[in-house]
Amino acid sequence: MKVLVVDDELPARQRLRRLVDEMDDFEIIGEAADGIQAIELTQKHDPDVLLMDIRMPGIDGVEAARHLATLEKPPAVIFTTAYDEYAIDAFDAQAVGYLLKPVRRERLARALRHASRLTRAQLAALRTDDMKPEKRRSHICVRVGGRLQLIPVEDIYYFQADQKYTTVTYRDGEVLIDESLKNLEYEFSPDFLRIHRSALVAIAHLHSVERETDGKQFAVFRDCDARLAVSRRHAAALKRRLRGG
């Protein structure tokens, strides 16, 4: 079984590598120091299981696991952490194991054996898109050509509902995601504000609201050419936010 070790602390990675090397039927195929590296190495090496810390800079372990769960064949995830209050988040992210540091050899072996009993088809059937994480995502994850692409939330100008999908317009282009505008608004408020029943915009990227001669109003961005219609219902709230209210 191929194992990827993910931890931002080198001594922790070295300890896990040493413990796994002592076991039969398990092979360390790489190490990652954060969630982004974990996603990249997972797609490169196709590990069967990740031993992953939770508290890491940038994309933490729980967010990385949620992104990885969208793969067609996601790996099993065993969380390792010194903070047992993260247990609920860990299992919400469909982890198959949860180990407190310092990790003991016997418990690690038991968790790895449990992970080996779960098929990838079973893991692929687990869904996390209906769960509201306690800590909002720092990135939006999309599948492009069978691979995962991470978009920093801070680079997103707006979300726009488009029939059954939502278009994400960001600094480098556009992508489609299978998430509802309602759930995105719930997760990313107050930094994103609804301006129309089909549009949710990033306040940080907005410049102003322009009114045309026919009375219609449009949101104008600082560094994006798009002009989005503002509904009469949402206009007052948007103007208050732009004034800092």
Protein backbone atom coordinates (compact mmCIF):
# COMPACT_ATOMS: atom_id res chain seq x y z
CA MET A 1 0.00 0.00 0.00
CA LYS A 2 1.38 3.41 -0.99
CA VAL A 3 1.44 6.05 1.76
CA LEU A 4 1.89 9.82 1.49
CA VAL A 5 2.98 11.67 4.66
CA VAL A 6 1.68 15.24 5.06
CA ASP A 7 2.89 17.47 7.93
CA ASP A 8 4.37 20.95 8.08
CA GLU A 9 6.94 19.84 10.70
CA LEU A 10 9.93 17.85 9.45
CA PRO A 11 10.43 15.86 12.71
CA ALA A 12 6.81 14.67 12.55
CA ARG A 13 7.25 13.52 8.94
CA GLN A 14 10.47 11.75 9.83
CA ARG A 15 8.82 9.92 12.75
CA LEU A 16 5.91 8.72 10.59
CA ARG A 17 8.28 7.63 7.84
CA ARG A 18 10.33 5.64 10.34
CA LEU A 19 7.23 3.95 11.78
CA VAL A 20 5.82 3.05 8.37
CA ASP A 21 9.19 1.76 7.15
CA GLU A 22 9.11 -0.76 10.00
CA MET A 23 5.83 -2.25 8.73
CA ASP A 24 5.33 -4.83 6.02
CA ASP A 25 3.05 -4.10 3.04
CA PHE A 26 3.34 -0.28 3.35
CA GLU A 27 5.58 2.03 1.33
CA ILE A 28 6.19 5.78 1.75
CA ILE A 29 5.98 7.30 -1.73
CA GLY A 30 6.45 10.94 -0.75
CA GLU A 31 6.20 13.74 1.81
CA ALA A 32 4.29 17.03 1.71
CA ALA A 33 4.58 20.05 3.98
CA ASP A 34 1.12 21.54 3.38
CA GLY A 35 -2.29 20.88 1.85
CA ILE A 36 -1.42 22.22 -1.59
CA GLN A 37 1.60 19.91 -1.87
CA ALA A 38 -0.56 17.04 -0.62
CA ILE A 39 -3.03 17.56 -3.45
CA GLU A 40 -0.27 17.91 -6.04
CA LEU A 41 1.58 14.77 -4.89
CA THR A 42 -1.64 12.79 -4.63
CA GLN A 43 -2.37 13.48 -8.28
CA LYS A 44 1.22 12.68 -9.25
CA HIS A 45 1.79 9.48 -7.26
CA ASP A 46 -1.75 8.14 -6.65
CA PRO A 47 -1.23 7.04 -3.02
CA ASP A 48 -3.64 4.64 -1.36
CA VAL A 49 -3.63 6.50 1.96
CA LEU A 50 -2.54 9.87 3.35
CA LEU A 51 -1.20 10.32 6.87
CA MET A 52 -2.06 14.00 7.21
CA ASP A 53 -1.70 16.62 9.91
CA ILE A 54 -4.69 18.92 10.44
CA ARG A 55 -3.18 22.21 11.57
CA MET A 56 -0.99 23.43 8.70
CA PRO A 57 -0.44 26.85 7.08
CA GLY A 58 -2.52 27.73 4.02
CA ILE A 59 -4.77 24.81 3.14
CA ASP A 60 -5.06 22.76 6.32
CA GLY A 61 -5.61 19.01 6.48
CA VAL A 62 -9.39 19.12 6.72
CA GLU A 63 -9.75 21.38 3.68
CA ALA A 64 -7.24 19.30 1.71
CA ALA A 65 -9.22 16.14 2.52
CA ARG A 66 -12.45 17.74 1.32
CA HIS A 67 -10.80 18.69 -1.96
CA LEU A 68 -9.28 15.23 -2.39
CA ALA A 69 -12.68 13.62 -1.79
CA THR A 70 -13.82 15.09 -5.14
CA LEU A 71 -11.32 12.96 -7.08
CA GLU A 72 -12.75 10.08 -9.06
CA LYS A 73 -10.56 7.72 -7.01
CA PRO A 74 -9.72 9.53 -3.76
CA PRO A 75 -7.19 8.11 -1.32
CA ALA A 76 -8.03 7.11 2.23
CA VAL A 77 -7.14 9.77 4.81
CA ILE A 78 -5.82 9.22 8.32
CA PHE A 79 -5.44 12.44 10.29
CA THR A 80 -2.59 12.93 12.73
CA THR A 81 -2.80 15.86 15.14
CA ALA A 82 -1.99 17.03 18.66
CA TYR A 83 -5.41 18.67 19.00
CA ASP A 84 -8.25 16.25 19.70
CA GLU A 85 -10.90 18.98 19.34
CA TYR A 86 -10.52 18.55 15.58
CA ALA A 87 -11.96 15.03 15.69
CA ILE A 88 -15.44 16.01 14.50
CA ASP A 89 -14.08 18.04 11.57
CA ALA A 90 -11.80 15.15 10.68
CA PHE A 91 -14.59 12.61 10.41
CA ASP A 92 -16.85 15.14 8.64
CA ALA A 93 -14.12 15.25 5.98
CA GLN A 94 -14.51 11.47 5.59
CA ALA A 95 -11.23 10.51 7.26
CA VAL A 96 -10.98 6.79 7.91
CA GLY A 97 -8.73 7.27 10.93
CA TYR A 98 -7.73 9.81 13.54
CA LEU A 99 -4.48 9.57 15.50
CA LEU A 100 -3.27 11.83 18.30
CA LYS A 101 0.39 12.83 18.40
CA PRO A 102 2.79 11.44 19.36
CA VAL A 103 1.61 8.66 17.06
CA ARG A 104 2.12 5.18 18.49
CA ARG A 105 3.21 2.33 16.25
CA GLU A 106 0.38 0.00 17.31
CA ARG A 107 -2.34 2.58 16.68
CA LEU A 108 -0.80 3.59 13.36
CA ALA A 109 -0.67 -0.04 12.22
CA ARG A 110 -4.31 -0.55 13.21
CA ALA A 111 -5.39 2.62 11.36
CA LEU A 112 -3.50 1.60 8.23
CA ARG A 113 -5.05 -1.86 8.28
CA HIS A 114 -8.49 -0.28 8.59
CA ALA A 115 -7.75 2.03 5.66
CA SER A 116 -6.68 -0.95 3.56
CA ARG A 117 -10.08 -2.59 4.07
CA LEU A 118 -11.90 0.33 2.41
CA THR A 119 -12.12 0.15 -1.37
CA ARG A 120 -11.62 3.23 -3.50
CA ALA A 121 -15.13 2.79 -4.87
CA GLN A 122 -16.46 3.14 -1.31
CA LEU A 123 -14.37 6.24 -0.77
CA ALA A 124 -15.55 7.76 -4.04
CA ALA A 125 -19.14 7.31 -2.90
CA LEU A 126 -18.58 9.52 0.15
CA ARG A 127 -19.85 13.05 -0.47
CA THR A 128 -18.91 16.19 1.41
CA ASP A 129 -20.47 18.94 -0.69
CA ASP A 130 -23.57 19.19 1.51
CA MET A 131 -21.57 19.78 4.69
CA LYS A 132 -20.87 23.23 6.05
CA PRO A 133 -17.28 23.31 7.33
CA GLU A 134 -16.65 25.23 10.55
CA LYS A 135 -13.62 26.82 8.87
CA ARG A 136 -14.41 28.19 5.45
CA ARG A 137 -12.29 27.15 2.51
CA SER A 138 -9.31 29.23 1.44
CA HIS A 139 -9.54 27.78 -2.08
CA ILE A 140 -12.24 26.62 -4.48
CA CYS A 141 -11.39 23.26 -6.01
CA VAL A 142 -12.46 22.33 -9.54
CA ARG A 143 -11.78 19.35 -11.76
CA VAL A 144 -10.22 20.32 -15.09
CA GLY A 145 -9.32 17.55 -17.48
CA GLY A 146 -9.53 14.96 -14.73
CA ARG A 147 -7.21 16.90 -12.42
CA LEU A 148 -7.87 19.19 -9.47
CA GLN A 149 -7.27 22.91 -9.85
CA LEU A 150 -7.16 25.18 -6.79
CA ILE A 151 -8.43 28.76 -7.04
CA PRO A 152 -7.63 31.08 -4.11
CA VAL A 153 -10.85 32.63 -2.82
CA GLU A 154 -9.07 35.98 -2.60
CA ASP A 155 -8.62 35.89 -6.41
CA ILE A 156 -12.34 35.42 -7.15
CA TYR A 157 -14.32 38.40 -8.48
CA TYR A 158 -17.76 36.82 -8.45
CA PHE A 159 -19.89 33.68 -8.59
CA GLN A 160 -22.75 33.63 -11.08
CA ALA A 161 -25.48 31.02 -11.25
CA ASP A 162 -25.79 29.46 -14.70
CA GLN A 163 -28.66 26.96 -14.83
CA LYS A 164 -27.46 23.89 -12.87
CA TYR A 165 -23.87 25.11 -12.51
CA THR A 166 -22.13 28.18 -11.08
CA THR A 167 -19.52 30.16 -12.99
CA VAL A 168 -16.50 31.29 -10.99
CA THR A 169 -14.82 34.35 -12.48
CA TYR A 170 -11.37 34.97 -11.04
CA ARG A 171 -8.05 36.62 -11.80
CA ASP A 172 -6.99 34.05 -14.41
CA GLY A 173 -10.29 33.24 -16.12
CA GLU A 174 -13.52 31.32 -15.57
CA VAL A 175 -14.47 27.81 -14.47
CA LEU A 176 -17.70 25.98 -13.72
CA ILE A 177 -18.41 24.37 -10.36
CA ASP A 178 -21.28 22.20 -9.17
CA GLU A 179 -22.15 24.25 -6.08
CA SER A 180 -25.20 26.35 -5.33
CA LEU A 181 -25.02 30.12 -4.93
CA LYS A 182 -26.95 29.74 -1.67
CA ASN A 183 -24.28 27.51 -0.12
CA LEU A 184 -21.46 29.72 -1.38
CA GLU A 185 -23.15 32.79 0.11
CA TYR A 186 -23.55 31.00 3.44
CA GLU A 187 -19.91 29.95 3.52
CA PHE A 188 -18.21 33.14 2.30
CA SER A 189 -20.38 35.88 3.80
CA PRO A 190 -19.70 38.66 4.68
CA ASP A 191 -16.79 38.96 2.21
CA PHE A 192 -19.11 38.08 -0.67
CA LEU A 193 -22.45 39.83 -1.09
CA ARG A 194 -25.50 38.89 -3.14
CA ILE A 195 -26.30 41.60 -5.69
CA HIS A 196 -28.80 39.62 -7.75
CA ARG A 197 -30.57 36.30 -7.41
CA SER A 198 -27.95 34.89 -9.78
CA ALA A 199 -24.81 36.76 -8.68
CA LEU A 200 -22.56 36.85 -5.61
CA VAL A 201 -19.65 39.33 -5.68
CA ALA A 202 -16.43 39.86 -3.73
CA ILE A 203 -16.63 43.17 -1.89
CA ALA A 204 -12.82 43.54 -1.96
CA HIS A 205 -12.82 43.68 -5.77
CA LEU A 206 -15.77 46.05 -6.23
CA HIS A 207 -15.19 49.64 -7.27
CA SER A 208 -18.64 51.22 -7.45
CA VAL A 209 -22.29 50.96 -8.47
CA GLU A 210 -23.21 52.77 -11.69
CA ARG A 211 -26.72 53.87 -12.58
CA GLU A 212 -27.68 54.17 -16.24
CA THR A 213 -30.20 56.61 -17.70
CA ASP A 214 -32.95 53.98 -17.65
CA GLY A 215 -32.45 53.49 -13.91
CA LYS A 216 -30.73 50.12 -14.12
CA GLN A 217 -27.75 49.67 -11.82
CA PHE A 218 -24.53 47.74 -12.39
CA ALA A 219 -21.65 46.63 -10.17
CA VAL A 220 -18.24 47.75 -11.48
CA PHE A 221 -15.01 46.00 -10.47
CA ARG A 222 -11.55 47.45 -9.87
CA ASP A 223 -9.59 45.10 -12.12
CA CYS A 224 -12.21 43.16 -14.06
CA ASP A 225 -14.11 44.39 -17.11
CA ALA A 226 -17.38 42.69 -16.16
CA ARG A 227 -20.41 44.81 -15.24
CA LEU A 228 -23.04 42.85 -13.33
CA ALA A 229 -26.67 43.88 -12.97
CA VAL A 230 -27.70 44.85 -9.43
CA SER A 231 -31.29 44.10 -8.56
CA ARG A 232 -33.41 46.78 -6.90
CA ARG A 233 -33.83 44.47 -3.93
CA HIS A 234 -30.08 44.26 -3.25
CA ALA A 235 -28.93 47.74 -4.32
CA ALA A 236 -29.24 49.47 -0.94
CA ALA A 237 -27.28 46.80 0.94
CA LEU A 238 -24.54 46.83 -1.69
CA LYS A 239 -24.14 50.61 -1.51
CA ARG A 240 -23.93 50.47 2.28
CA ARG A 241 -21.14 47.91 2.08
CA LEU A 242 -19.22 49.98 -0.44
CA ARG A 243 -19.50 52.96 1.92
CA GLY A 244 -18.15 50.80 4.70
CA GLY A 245 -21.49 50.46 6.47
